[in-house]
Amino acid sequence: MRSAGFDIEDPGDDQVRSGTVISPQGVDEDRFAGAADSCATELGVTRADSAAKDRWAREYDQVASCVRDAYPDFPEQQSGALSFDEATYPPAAEPEFQQLVDECLQRYSPDTKTQDAG
């Protein structure tokens, strides 16, 4: 993806195994998706199917709603993704916020594995 011009972090093992690619905020989605498809083909990685992506989107919507119960100003999320970026949402740095996120993930998306991209 870097050779295609995208400044991204290395994916975790689970993300590689599932073929899940989440685009960074602010990129051209079509260009990013095309590059991700090309990379996946080169590496022999099968991407997640639409049913899995739909399930994740529903689960992550529930997680975001759970977080908003305690943090009503928590920003809207990109469909099928969760972002707890301290730079754009300072309360994300608070231990209480992190504990709530963990509880919401366990409740609504127990198969989700978290990764610190910082």
PDB file of N, CA and C in Angstrom:
ATOM      1  N   MET A   1       0.830  -1.181   0.000  1.00  0.00           N
ATOM      2  CA  MET A   1       0.000   0.000   0.000  1.00  0.00           C
ATOM      3  C   MET A   1       0.880   1.253   0.000  1.00  0.00           C
ATOM      4  N   ARG A   2       2.023   1.170   0.663  1.00  0.00           N
ATOM      5  CA  ARG A   2       2.914   2.340   0.659  1.00  0.00           C
ATOM      6  C   ARG A   2       3.438   2.619  -0.740  1.00  0.00           C
ATOM      7  N   SER A   3       3.758   1.559  -1.490  1.00  0.00           N
ATOM      8  CA  SER A   3       4.258   1.783  -2.850  1.00  0.00           C
ATOM      9  C   SER A   3       3.159   2.352  -3.752  1.00  0.00           C
ATOM     10  N   ALA A   4       1.902   2.205  -3.332  1.00  0.00           N
ATOM     11  CA  ALA A   4       0.789   2.796  -4.076  1.00  0.00           C
ATOM     12  C   ALA A   4       0.526   4.236  -3.634  1.00  0.00           C
ATOM     13  N   GLY A   5       1.335   4.723  -2.681  1.00  0.00           N
ATOM     14  CA  GLY A   5       1.230   6.117  -2.273  1.00  0.00           C
ATOM     15  C   GLY A   5       0.433   6.383  -1.015  1.00  0.00           C
ATOM     16  N   PHE A   6       0.151   5.350  -0.217  1.00  0.00           N
ATOM     17  CA  PHE A   6      -0.625   5.531   1.002  1.00  0.00           C
ATOM     18  C   PHE A   6       0.268   5.386   2.224  1.00  0.00           C
ATOM     19  N   ASP A   7       0.186   6.354   3.133  1.00  0.00           N
ATOM     20  CA  ASP A   7       0.958   6.341   4.373  1.00  0.00           C
ATOM     21  C   ASP A   7       0.121   5.627   5.427  1.00  0.00           C
ATOM     22  N   ILE A   8       0.369   4.323   5.617  1.00  0.00           N
ATOM     23  CA  ILE A   8      -0.433   3.530   6.540  1.00  0.00           C
ATOM     24  C   ILE A   8       0.466   2.738   7.483  1.00  0.00           C
ATOM     25  N   GLU A   9      -0.127   2.330   8.597  1.00  0.00           N
ATOM     26  CA  GLU A   9       0.556   1.482   9.573  1.00  0.00           C
ATOM     27  C   GLU A   9       0.519   0.029   9.091  1.00  0.00           C
ATOM     28  N   ASP A  10       1.451  -0.773   9.554  1.00  0.00           N
ATOM     29  CA  ASP A  10       1.429  -2.200   9.246  1.00  0.00           C
ATOM     30  C   ASP A  10       0.196  -2.831   9.890  1.00  0.00           C
ATOM     31  N   PRO A  11      -0.502  -3.702   9.166  1.00  0.00           N
ATOM     32  CA  PRO A  11      -1.676  -4.364   9.751  1.00  0.00           C
ATOM     33  C   PRO A  11      -1.263  -5.436  10.743  1.00  0.00           C
ATOM     34  N   GLY A  12      -2.175  -5.745  11.666  1.00  0.00           N
ATOM     35  CA  GLY A  12      -1.949  -6.833  12.597  1.00  0.00           C
ATOM     36  C   GLY A  12      -2.193  -8.172  11.919  1.00  0.00           C
ATOM     37  N   ASP A  13      -1.752  -9.252  12.555  1.00  0.00           N
ATOM     38  CA  ASP A  13      -1.905 -10.586  11.975  1.00  0.00           C
ATOM     39  C   ASP A  13      -3.362 -10.929  11.685  1.00  0.00           C
ATOM     40  N   ASP A  14      -4.270 -10.600  12.612  1.00  0.00           N
ATOM     41  CA  ASP A  14      -5.682 -10.909  12.406  1.00  0.00           C
ATOM     42  C   ASP A  14      -6.242 -10.150  11.208  1.00  0.00           C
ATOM     43  N   GLN A  15      -5.810  -8.906  11.048  1.00  0.00           N
ATOM     44  CA  GLN A  15      -6.279  -8.110   9.918  1.00  0.00           C
ATOM     45  C   GLN A  15      -5.778  -8.723   8.607  1.00  0.00           C
ATOM     46  N   VAL A  16      -4.550  -9.196   8.586  1.00  0.00           N
ATOM     47  CA  VAL A  16      -4.003  -9.820   7.385  1.00  0.00           C
ATOM     48  C   VAL A  16      -4.756 -11.114   7.074  1.00  0.00           C
ATOM     49  N   ARG A  17      -4.956 -11.941   8.108  1.00  0.00           N
ATOM     50  CA  ARG A  17      -5.651 -13.213   7.895  1.00  0.00           C
ATOM     51  C   ARG A  17      -7.072 -13.015   7.375  1.00  0.00           C
ATOM     52  N   SER A  18      -7.766 -11.997   7.868  1.00  0.00           N
ATOM     53  CA  SER A  18      -9.150 -11.790   7.464  1.00  0.00           C
ATOM     54  C   SER A  18      -9.263 -11.071   6.129  1.00  0.00           C
ATOM     55  N   GLY A  19      -8.179 -10.424   5.710  1.00  0.00           N
ATOM     56  CA  GLY A  19      -8.239  -9.663   4.474  1.00  0.00           C
ATOM     57  C   GLY A  19      -8.957  -8.337   4.640  1.00  0.00           C
ATOM     58  N   THR A  20      -9.147  -7.917   5.869  1.00  0.00           N
ATOM     59  CA  THR A  20      -9.850  -6.670   6.147  1.00  0.00           C
ATOM     60  C   THR A  20      -8.920  -5.493   5.922  1.00  0.00           C
ATOM     61  N   VAL A  21      -9.412  -4.536   5.156  1.00  0.00           N
ATOM     62  CA  VAL A  21      -8.646  -3.323   4.913  1.00  0.00           C
ATOM     63  C   VAL A  21      -9.539  -2.144   5.250  1.00  0.00           C
ATOM     64  N   ILE A  22      -9.092  -1.304   6.162  1.00  0.00           N
ATOM     65  CA  ILE A  22      -9.840  -0.108   6.527  1.00  0.00           C
ATOM     66  C   ILE A  22      -9.017   1.087   6.082  1.00  0.00           C
ATOM     67  N   SER A  23      -9.628   1.912   5.264  1.00  0.00           N
ATOM     68  CA  SER A  23      -8.888   3.044   4.712  1.00  0.00           C
ATOM     69  C   SER A  23      -8.704   4.146   5.747  1.00  0.00           C
ATOM     70  N   PRO A  24      -7.557   4.802   5.676  1.00  0.00           N
ATOM     71  CA  PRO A  24      -7.336   5.948   6.568  1.00  0.00           C
ATOM     72  C   PRO A  24      -8.309   7.069   6.215  1.00  0.00           C
ATOM     73  N   GLN A  25      -8.613   7.894   7.182  1.00  0.00           N
ATOM     74  CA  GLN A  25      -9.517   9.005   6.924  1.00  0.00           C
ATOM     75  C   GLN A  25      -8.884   9.966   5.932  1.00  0.00           C
ATOM     76  N   GLY A  26      -9.728  10.505   5.039  1.00  0.00           N
ATOM     77  CA  GLY A  26      -9.294  11.534   4.119  1.00  0.00           C
ATOM     78  C   GLY A  26      -8.665  11.042   2.828  1.00  0.00           C
ATOM     79  N   VAL A  27      -8.672   9.737   2.571  1.00  0.00           N
ATOM     80  CA  VAL A  27      -8.098   9.245   1.308  1.00  0.00           C
ATOM     81  C   VAL A  27      -9.192   9.075   0.268  1.00  0.00           C
ATOM     82  N   ASP A  28      -8.788   9.001  -0.978  1.00  0.00           N
ATOM     83  CA  ASP A  28      -9.716   8.697  -2.069  1.00  0.00           C
ATOM     84  C   ASP A  28     -10.103   7.222  -1.923  1.00  0.00           C
ATOM     85  N   GLU A  29     -11.347   6.982  -1.509  1.00  0.00           N
ATOM     86  CA  GLU A  29     -11.796   5.620  -1.190  1.00  0.00           C
ATOM     87  C   GLU A  29     -11.660   4.664  -2.378  1.00  0.00           C
ATOM     88  N   ASP A  30     -12.023   5.117  -3.572  1.00  0.00           N
ATOM     89  CA  ASP A  30     -11.947   4.243  -4.752  1.00  0.00           C
ATOM     90  C   ASP A  30     -10.508   3.878  -5.082  1.00  0.00           C
ATOM     91  N   ARG A  31      -9.619   4.855  -5.022  1.00  0.00           N
ATOM     92  CA  ARG A  31      -8.204   4.603  -5.295  1.00  0.00           C
ATOM     93  C   ARG A  31      -7.616   3.665  -4.239  1.00  0.00           C
ATOM     94  N   PHE A  32      -7.985   3.893  -2.971  1.00  0.00           N
ATOM     95  CA  PHE A  32      -7.491   3.043  -1.884  1.00  0.00           C
ATOM     96  C   PHE A  32      -7.996   1.610  -2.053  1.00  0.00           C
ATOM     97  N   ALA A  33      -9.284   1.463  -2.353  1.00  0.00           N
ATOM     98  CA  ALA A  33      -9.863   0.124  -2.531  1.00  0.00           C
ATOM     99  C   ALA A  33      -9.201  -0.607  -3.698  1.00  0.00           C
ATOM    100  N   GLY A  34      -8.938   0.109  -4.782  1.00  0.00           N
ATOM    101  CA  GLY A  34      -8.266  -0.512  -5.931  1.00  0.00           C
ATOM    102  C   GLY A  34      -6.870  -0.977  -5.577  1.00  0.00           C
ATOM    103  N   ALA A  35      -6.140  -0.148  -4.839  1.00  0.00           N
ATOM    104  CA  ALA A  35      -4.790  -0.533  -4.425  1.00  0.00           C
ATOM    105  C   ALA A  35      -4.845  -1.724  -3.469  1.00  0.00           C
ATOM    106  N   ALA A  36      -5.813  -1.724  -2.550  1.00  0.00           N
ATOM    107  CA  ALA A  36      -5.955  -2.838  -1.602  1.00  0.00           C
ATOM    108  C   ALA A  36      -6.271  -4.136  -2.341  1.00  0.00           C
ATOM    109  N   ASP A  37      -7.135  -4.057  -3.334  1.00  0.00           N
ATOM    110  CA  ASP A  37      -7.464  -5.251  -4.121  1.00  0.00           C
ATOM    111  C   ASP A  37      -6.237  -5.780  -4.847  1.00  0.00           C
ATOM    112  N   SER A  38      -5.451  -4.875  -5.426  1.00  0.00           N
ATOM    113  CA  SER A  38      -4.234  -5.287  -6.133  1.00  0.00           C
ATOM    114  C   SER A  38      -3.241  -5.946  -5.179  1.00  0.00           C
ATOM    115  N   CYS A  39      -3.054  -5.343  -4.031  1.00  0.00           N
ATOM    116  CA  CYS A  39      -2.131  -5.913  -3.038  1.00  0.00           C
ATOM    117  C   CYS A  39      -2.613  -7.287  -2.572  1.00  0.00           C
ATOM    118  N   ALA A  40      -3.910  -7.397  -2.295  1.00  0.00           N
ATOM    119  CA  ALA A  40      -4.462  -8.672  -1.833  1.00  0.00           C
ATOM    120  C   ALA A  40      -4.252  -9.761  -2.876  1.00  0.00           C
ATOM    121  N   THR A  41      -4.483  -9.425  -4.137  1.00  0.00           N
ATOM    122  CA  THR A  41      -4.300 -10.400  -5.220  1.00  0.00           C
ATOM    123  C   THR A  41      -2.842 -10.838  -5.290  1.00  0.00           C
ATOM    124  N   GLU A  42      -1.927  -9.871  -5.230  1.00  0.00           N
ATOM    125  CA  GLU A  42      -0.494 -10.190  -5.274  1.00  0.00           C
ATOM    126  C   GLU A  42      -0.077 -11.103  -4.127  1.00  0.00           C
ATOM    127  N   LEU A  43      -0.671 -10.892  -2.954  1.00  0.00           N
ATOM    128  CA  LEU A  43      -0.296 -11.656  -1.765  1.00  0.00           C
ATOM    129  C   LEU A  43      -1.114 -12.929  -1.568  1.00  0.00           C
ATOM    130  N   GLY A  44      -2.149 -13.115  -2.381  1.00  0.00           N
ATOM    131  CA  GLY A  44      -3.000 -14.291  -2.248  1.00  0.00           C
ATOM    132  C   GLY A  44      -3.919 -14.229  -1.046  1.00  0.00           C
ATOM    133  N   VAL A  45      -4.288 -13.018  -0.627  1.00  0.00           N
ATOM    134  CA  VAL A  45      -5.159 -12.831   0.529  1.00  0.00           C
ATOM    135  C   VAL A  45      -6.590 -12.623   0.040  1.00  0.00           C
ATOM    136  N   THR A  46      -7.504 -13.380   0.623  1.00  0.00           N
ATOM    137  CA  THR A  46      -8.918 -13.227   0.292  1.00  0.00           C
ATOM    138  C   THR A  46      -9.531 -12.214   1.245  1.00  0.00           C
ATOM    139  N   ARG A  47     -10.212 -11.234   0.688  1.00  0.00           N
ATOM    140  CA  ARG A  47     -10.819 -10.194   1.523  1.00  0.00           C
ATOM    141  C   ARG A  47     -12.099 -10.696   2.178  1.00  0.00           C
ATOM    142  N   ALA A  48     -12.488 -10.030   3.250  1.00  0.00           N
ATOM    143  CA  ALA A  48     -13.722 -10.379   3.955  1.00  0.00           C
ATOM    144  C   ALA A  48     -14.915 -10.214   3.014  1.00  0.00           C
ATOM    145  N   ASP A  49     -15.892 -11.108   3.133  1.00  0.00           N
ATOM    146  CA  ASP A  49     -17.064 -11.004   2.269  1.00  0.00           C
ATOM    147  C   ASP A  49     -18.016  -9.925   2.770  1.00  0.00           C
ATOM    148  N   SER A  50     -19.008  -9.595   1.960  1.00  0.00           N
ATOM    149  CA  SER A  50     -19.920  -8.497   2.298  1.00  0.00           C
ATOM    150  C   SER A  50     -20.757  -8.809   3.537  1.00  0.00           C
ATOM    151  N   ALA A  51     -21.082 -10.074   3.768  1.00  0.00           N
ATOM    152  CA  ALA A  51     -21.859 -10.430   4.963  1.00  0.00           C
ATOM    153  C   ALA A  51     -21.065 -10.127   6.229  1.00  0.00           C
ATOM    154  N   ALA A  52     -19.781 -10.445   6.221  1.00  0.00           N
ATOM    155  CA  ALA A  52     -18.932 -10.155   7.385  1.00  0.00           C
ATOM    156  C   ALA A  52     -18.804  -8.648   7.579  1.00  0.00           C
ATOM    157  N   LYS A  53     -18.616  -7.923   6.493  1.00  0.00           N
ATOM    158  CA  LYS A  53     -18.494  -6.467   6.594  1.00  0.00           C
ATOM    159  C   LYS A  53     -19.782  -5.848   7.119  1.00  0.00           C
ATOM    160  N   ASP A  54     -20.929  -6.361   6.666  1.00  0.00           N
ATOM    161  CA  ASP A  54     -22.218  -5.857   7.160  1.00  0.00           C
ATOM    162  C   ASP A  54     -22.374  -6.145   8.647  1.00  0.00           C
ATOM    163  N   ARG A  55     -21.979  -7.336   9.083  1.00  0.00           N
ATOM    164  CA  ARG A  55     -22.057  -7.692  10.497  1.00  0.00           C
ATOM    165  C   ARG A  55     -21.167  -6.766  11.328  1.00  0.00           C
ATOM    166  N   TRP A  56     -19.948  -6.532  10.854  1.00  0.00           N
ATOM    167  CA  TRP A  56     -19.039  -5.642  11.576  1.00  0.00           C
ATOM    168  C   TRP A  56     -19.612  -4.236  11.658  1.00  0.00           C
ATOM    169  N   ALA A  57     -20.189  -3.765  10.556  1.00  0.00           N
ATOM    170  CA  ALA A  57     -20.762  -2.411  10.558  1.00  0.00           C
ATOM    171  C   ALA A  57     -21.866  -2.306  11.609  1.00  0.00           C
ATOM    172  N   ARG A  58     -22.734  -3.308  11.687  1.00  0.00           N
ATOM    173  CA  ARG A  58     -23.804  -3.298  12.699  1.00  0.00           C
ATOM    174  C   ARG A  58     -23.216  -3.347  14.110  1.00  0.00           C
ATOM    175  N   GLU A  59     -22.255  -4.228  14.318  1.00  0.00           N
ATOM    176  CA  GLU A  59     -21.638  -4.341  15.639  1.00  0.00           C
ATOM    177  C   GLU A  59     -20.961  -3.035  16.038  1.00  0.00           C
ATOM    178  N   TYR A  60     -20.203  -2.448  15.131  1.00  0.00           N
ATOM    179  CA  TYR A  60     -19.472  -1.225  15.447  1.00  0.00           C
ATOM    180  C   TYR A  60     -20.415  -0.053  15.665  1.00  0.00           C
ATOM    181  N   ASP A  61     -21.539  -0.027  14.958  1.00  0.00           N
ATOM    182  CA  ASP A  61     -22.558   1.000  15.223  1.00  0.00           C
ATOM    183  C   ASP A  61     -23.072   0.864  16.652  1.00  0.00           C
ATOM    184  N   GLN A  62     -23.279  -0.378  17.100  1.00  0.00           N
ATOM    185  CA  GLN A  62     -23.745  -0.611  18.468  1.00  0.00           C
ATOM    186  C   GLN A  62     -22.679  -0.207  19.485  1.00  0.00           C
ATOM    187  N   VAL A  63     -21.420  -0.482  19.174  1.00  0.00           N
ATOM    188  CA  VAL A  63     -20.334  -0.088  20.077  1.00  0.00           C
ATOM    189  C   VAL A  63     -20.288   1.433  20.191  1.00  0.00           C
ATOM    190  N   ALA A  64     -20.357   2.132  19.054  1.00  0.00           N
ATOM    191  CA  ALA A  64     -20.318   3.598  19.068  1.00  0.00           C
ATOM    192  C   ALA A  64     -21.505   4.158  19.853  1.00  0.00           C
ATOM    193  N   SER A  65     -22.672   3.555  19.693  1.00  0.00           N
ATOM    194  CA  SER A  65     -23.855   3.987  20.437  1.00  0.00           C
ATOM    195  C   SER A  65     -23.657   3.767  21.933  1.00  0.00           C
ATOM    196  N   CYS A  66     -23.064   2.649  22.293  1.00  0.00           N
ATOM    197  CA  CYS A  66     -22.763   2.343  23.691  1.00  0.00           C
ATOM    198  C   CYS A  66     -21.819   3.395  24.268  1.00  0.00           C
ATOM    199  N   VAL A  67     -20.802   3.761  23.524  1.00  0.00           N
ATOM    200  CA  VAL A  67     -19.848   4.779  23.977  1.00  0.00           C
ATOM    201  C   VAL A  67     -20.570   6.117  24.142  1.00  0.00           C
ATOM    202  N   ARG A  68     -21.477   6.444  23.199  1.00  0.00           N
ATOM    203  CA  ARG A  68     -22.198   7.723  23.260  1.00  0.00           C
ATOM    204  C   ARG A  68     -23.150   7.810  24.452  1.00  0.00           C
ATOM    205  N   ASP A  69     -23.519   6.686  25.028  1.00  0.00           N
ATOM    206  CA  ASP A  69     -24.348   6.737  26.235  1.00  0.00           C
ATOM    207  C   ASP A  69     -23.626   7.496  27.349  1.00  0.00           C
ATOM    208  N   ALA A  70     -22.305   7.347  27.425  1.00  0.00           N
ATOM    209  CA  ALA A  70     -21.511   8.035  28.446  1.00  0.00           C
ATOM    210  C   ALA A  70     -20.785   9.261  27.894  1.00  0.00           C
ATOM    211  N   TYR A  71     -20.516   9.267  26.593  1.00  0.00           N
ATOM    212  CA  TYR A  71     -19.802  10.367  25.926  1.00  0.00           C
ATOM    213  C   TYR A  71     -20.639  10.822  24.725  1.00  0.00           C
ATOM    214  N   PRO A  72     -21.685  11.620  24.961  1.00  0.00           N
ATOM    215  CA  PRO A  72     -22.608  12.001  23.884  1.00  0.00           C
ATOM    216  C   PRO A  72     -21.948  12.726  22.711  1.00  0.00           C
ATOM    217  N   ASP A  73     -20.775  13.326  22.936  1.00  0.00           N
ATOM    218  CA  ASP A  73     -20.099  14.045  21.857  1.00  0.00           C
ATOM    219  C   ASP A  73     -19.131  13.157  21.066  1.00  0.00           C
ATOM    220  N   PHE A  74     -19.121  11.844  21.338  1.00  0.00           N
ATOM    221  CA  PHE A  74     -18.251  10.935  20.591  1.00  0.00           C
ATOM    222  C   PHE A  74     -18.614  11.028  19.109  1.00  0.00           C
ATOM    223  N   PRO A  75     -17.627  11.267  18.233  1.00  0.00           N
ATOM    224  CA  PRO A  75     -17.914  11.530  16.819  1.00  0.00           C
ATOM    225  C   PRO A  75     -18.526  10.340  16.074  1.00  0.00           C
ATOM    226  N   GLU A  76     -19.256  10.668  15.012  1.00  0.00           N
ATOM    227  CA  GLU A  76     -19.776   9.642  14.113  1.00  0.00           C
ATOM    228  C   GLU A  76     -18.589   8.867  13.543  1.00  0.00           C
ATOM    229  N   GLN A  77     -18.803   7.587  13.283  1.00  0.00           N
ATOM    230  CA  GLN A  77     -17.740   6.718  12.808  1.00  0.00           C
ATOM    231  C   GLN A  77     -17.944   6.346  11.346  1.00  0.00           C
ATOM    232  N   GLN A  78     -16.845   6.046  10.679  1.00  0.00           N
ATOM    233  CA  GLN A  78     -16.898   5.541   9.308  1.00  0.00           C
ATOM    234  C   GLN A  78     -17.559   4.162   9.370  1.00  0.00           C
ATOM    235  N   SER A  79     -18.464   3.880   8.452  1.00  0.00           N
ATOM    236  CA  SER A  79     -19.181   2.609   8.463  1.00  0.00           C
ATOM    237  C   SER A  79     -18.202   1.433   8.445  1.00  0.00           C
ATOM    238  N   GLY A  80     -18.400   0.497   9.367  1.00  0.00           N
ATOM    239  CA  GLY A  80     -17.562  -0.691   9.440  1.00  0.00           C
ATOM    240  C   GLY A  80     -16.221  -0.472  10.111  1.00  0.00           C
ATOM    241  N   ALA A  81     -16.069   0.664  10.778  1.00  0.00           N
ATOM    242  CA  ALA A  81     -14.795   0.965  11.431  1.00  0.00           C
ATOM    243  C   ALA A  81     -15.048   1.663  12.758  1.00  0.00           C
ATOM    244  N   LEU A  82     -14.061   1.595  13.619  1.00  0.00           N
ATOM    245  CA  LEU A  82     -14.091   2.327  14.883  1.00  0.00           C
ATOM    246  C   LEU A  82     -12.762   3.060  15.018  1.00  0.00           C
ATOM    247  N   SER A  83     -12.831   4.302  15.427  1.00  0.00           N
ATOM    248  CA  SER A  83     -11.618   5.084  15.623  1.00  0.00           C
ATOM    249  C   SER A  83     -11.695   5.778  16.977  1.00  0.00           C
ATOM    250  N   PHE A  84     -10.702   5.551  17.779  1.00  0.00           N
ATOM    251  CA  PHE A  84     -10.629   6.160  19.102  1.00  0.00           C
ATOM    252  C   PHE A  84      -9.351   6.991  19.171  1.00  0.00           C
ATOM    253  N   ASP A  85      -9.216   7.909  18.225  1.00  0.00           N
ATOM    254  CA  ASP A  85      -8.013   8.714  18.075  1.00  0.00           C
ATOM    255  C   ASP A  85      -7.973   9.848  19.085  1.00  0.00           C
ATOM    256  N   GLU A  86      -6.975   9.816  19.936  1.00  0.00           N
ATOM    257  CA  GLU A  86      -6.824  10.832  20.980  1.00  0.00           C
ATOM    258  C   GLU A  86      -6.580  12.222  20.397  1.00  0.00           C
ATOM    259  N   ALA A  87      -5.975  12.291  19.214  1.00  0.00           N
ATOM    260  CA  ALA A  87      -5.687  13.588  18.595  1.00  0.00           C
ATOM    261  C   ALA A  87      -6.967  14.293  18.152  1.00  0.00           C
ATOM    262  N   THR A  88      -7.947  13.532  17.689  1.00  0.00           N
ATOM    263  CA  THR A  88      -9.191  14.147  17.222  1.00  0.00           C
ATOM    264  C   THR A  88     -10.300  14.099  18.271  1.00  0.00           C
ATOM    265  N   TYR A  89     -10.154  13.223  19.250  1.00  0.00           N
ATOM    266  CA  TYR A  89     -11.139  13.121  20.332  1.00  0.00           C
ATOM    267  C   TYR A  89     -10.386  12.925  21.647  1.00  0.00           C
ATOM    268  N   PRO A  90      -9.979  14.033  22.299  1.00  0.00           N
ATOM    269  CA  PRO A  90      -9.138  13.961  23.503  1.00  0.00           C
ATOM    270  C   PRO A  90      -9.641  13.047  24.622  1.00  0.00           C
ATOM    271  N   PRO A  91     -10.949  12.907  24.869  1.00  0.00           N
ATOM    272  CA  PRO A  91     -11.358  11.983  25.941  1.00  0.00           C
ATOM    273  C   PRO A  91     -10.892  10.541  25.716  1.00  0.00           C
ATOM    274  N   ALA A  92     -10.530  10.195  24.487  1.00  0.00           N
ATOM    275  CA  ALA A  92     -10.057   8.838  24.200  1.00  0.00           C
ATOM    276  C   ALA A  92      -8.784   8.502  24.967  1.00  0.00           C
ATOM    277  N   ALA A  93      -8.094   9.513  25.463  1.00  0.00           N
ATOM    278  CA  ALA A  93      -6.871   9.285  26.236  1.00  0.00           C
ATOM    279  C   ALA A  93      -7.161   8.919  27.686  1.00  0.00           C
ATOM    280  N   GLU A  94      -8.389   9.124  28.125  1.00  0.00           N
ATOM    281  CA  GLU A  94      -8.745   8.865  29.518  1.00  0.00           C
ATOM    282  C   GLU A  94      -8.902   7.368  29.786  1.00  0.00           C
ATOM    283  N   PRO A  95      -8.356   6.874  30.885  1.00  0.00           N
ATOM    284  CA  PRO A  95      -8.505   5.448  31.212  1.00  0.00           C
ATOM    285  C   PRO A  95      -9.976   5.021  31.310  1.00  0.00           C
ATOM    286  N   GLU A  96     -10.833   5.906  31.811  1.00  0.00           N
ATOM    287  CA  GLU A  96     -12.254   5.567  31.925  1.00  0.00           C
ATOM    288  C   GLU A  96     -12.880   5.342  30.554  1.00  0.00           C
ATOM    289  N   PHE A  97     -12.462   6.143  29.577  1.00  0.00           N
ATOM    290  CA  PHE A  97     -12.963   5.988  28.209  1.00  0.00           C
ATOM    291  C   PHE A  97     -12.516   4.637  27.654  1.00  0.00           C
ATOM    292  N   GLN A  98     -11.236   4.328  27.829  1.00  0.00           N
ATOM    293  CA  GLN A  98     -10.714   3.057  27.329  1.00  0.00           C
ATOM    294  C   GLN A  98     -11.425   1.868  27.962  1.00  0.00           C
ATOM    295  N   GLN A  99     -11.707   1.963  29.253  1.00  0.00           N
ATOM    296  CA  GLN A  99     -12.418   0.885  29.935  1.00  0.00           C
ATOM    297  C   GLN A  99     -13.825   0.729  29.358  1.00  0.00           C
ATOM    298  N   LEU A 100     -14.499   1.855  29.120  1.00  0.00           N
ATOM    299  CA  LEU A 100     -15.841   1.803  28.532  1.00  0.00           C
ATOM    300  C   LEU A 100     -15.798   1.186  27.138  1.00  0.00           C
ATOM    301  N   VAL A 101     -14.840   1.578  26.333  1.00  0.00           N
ATOM    302  CA  VAL A 101     -14.707   1.023  24.982  1.00  0.00           C
ATOM    303  C   VAL A 101     -14.523  -0.490  25.056  1.00  0.00           C
ATOM    304  N   ASP A 102     -13.645  -0.935  25.941  1.00  0.00           N
ATOM    305  CA  ASP A 102     -13.422  -2.375  26.096  1.00  0.00           C
ATOM    306  C   ASP A 102     -14.714  -3.096  26.483  1.00  0.00           C
ATOM    307  N   GLU A 103     -15.472  -2.508  27.395  1.00  0.00           N
ATOM    308  CA  GLU A 103     -16.737  -3.117  27.819  1.00  0.00           C
ATOM    309  C   GLU A 103     -17.743  -3.142  26.664  1.00  0.00           C
ATOM    310  N   CYS A 104     -17.832  -2.049  25.909  1.00  0.00           N
ATOM    311  CA  CYS A 104     -18.770  -1.984  24.783  1.00  0.00           C
ATOM    312  C   CYS A 104     -18.376  -2.968  23.686  1.00  0.00           C
ATOM    313  N   LEU A 105     -17.075  -3.078  23.424  1.00  0.00           N
ATOM    314  CA  LEU A 105     -16.619  -4.047  22.429  1.00  0.00           C
ATOM    315  C   LEU A 105     -16.944  -5.471  22.866  1.00  0.00           C
ATOM    316  N   GLN A 106     -16.678  -5.767  24.126  1.00  0.00           N
ATOM    317  CA  GLN A 106     -16.959  -7.114  24.620  1.00  0.00           C
ATOM    318  C   GLN A 106     -18.451  -7.434  24.514  1.00  0.00           C
ATOM    319  N   ARG A 107     -19.277  -6.443  24.784  1.00  0.00           N
ATOM    320  CA  ARG A 107     -20.722  -6.663  24.768  1.00  0.00           C
ATOM    321  C   ARG A 107     -21.286  -6.785  23.357  1.00  0.00           C
ATOM    322  N   TYR A 108     -20.847  -5.916  22.441  1.00  0.00           N
ATOM    323  CA  TYR A 108     -21.484  -5.839  21.120  1.00  0.00           C
ATOM    324  C   TYR A 108     -20.653  -6.415  19.976  1.00  0.00           C
ATOM    325  N   SER A 109     -19.364  -6.589  20.184  1.00  0.00           N
ATOM    326  CA  SER A 109     -18.512  -7.130  19.132  1.00  0.00           C
ATOM    327  C   SER A 109     -17.394  -7.954  19.757  1.00  0.00           C
ATOM    328  N   PRO A 110     -17.768  -9.057  20.417  1.00  0.00           N
ATOM    329  CA  PRO A 110     -16.795  -9.816  21.201  1.00  0.00           C
ATOM    330  C   PRO A 110     -15.665 -10.449  20.374  1.00  0.00           C
ATOM    331  N   ASP A 111     -15.838 -10.589  19.064  1.00  0.00           N
ATOM    332  CA  ASP A 111     -14.788 -11.170  18.247  1.00  0.00           C
ATOM    333  C   ASP A 111     -13.757 -10.150  17.772  1.00  0.00           C
ATOM    334  N   THR A 112     -14.005  -8.873  18.058  1.00  0.00           N
ATOM    335  CA  THR A 112     -13.092  -7.822  17.648  1.00  0.00           C
ATOM    336  C   THR A 112     -11.810  -7.871  18.468  1.00  0.00           C
ATOM    337  N   LYS A 113     -10.690  -7.781  17.780  1.00  0.00           N
ATOM    338  CA  LYS A 113      -9.399  -7.723  18.436  1.00  0.00           C
ATOM    339  C   LYS A 113      -8.895  -6.294  18.230  1.00  0.00           C
ATOM    340  N   THR A 114      -8.449  -5.664  19.300  1.00  0.00           N
ATOM    341  CA  THR A 114      -7.991  -4.283  19.192  1.00  0.00           C
ATOM    342  C   THR A 114      -6.497  -4.242  18.917  1.00  0.00           C
ATOM    343  N   GLN A 115      -6.092  -3.132  18.322  1.00  0.00           N
ATOM    344  CA  GLN A 115      -4.684  -2.932  17.990  1.00  0.00           C
ATOM    345  C   GLN A 115      -4.365  -1.472  18.214  1.00  0.00           C
ATOM    346  N   ASP A 116      -3.297  -1.208  18.929  1.00  0.00           N
ATOM    347  CA  ASP A 116      -2.858   0.167  19.154  1.00  0.00           C
ATOM    348  C   ASP A 116      -2.035   0.593  17.953  1.00  0.00           C
ATOM    349  N   ALA A 117      -2.588   1.542  17.204  1.00  0.00           N
ATOM    350  CA  ALA A 117      -1.897   2.007  15.995  1.00  0.00           C
ATOM    351  C   ALA A 117      -0.986   3.179  16.284  1.00  0.00           C
ATOM    352  N   GLY A 118      -0.916   3.606  17.551  1.00  0.00           N
ATOM    353  CA  GLY A 118      -0.104   4.765  17.893  1.00  0.00           C
ATOM    354  C   GLY A 118       1.264   4.362  18.139  1.00  0.00           C
TER     355      GLY A 118
END
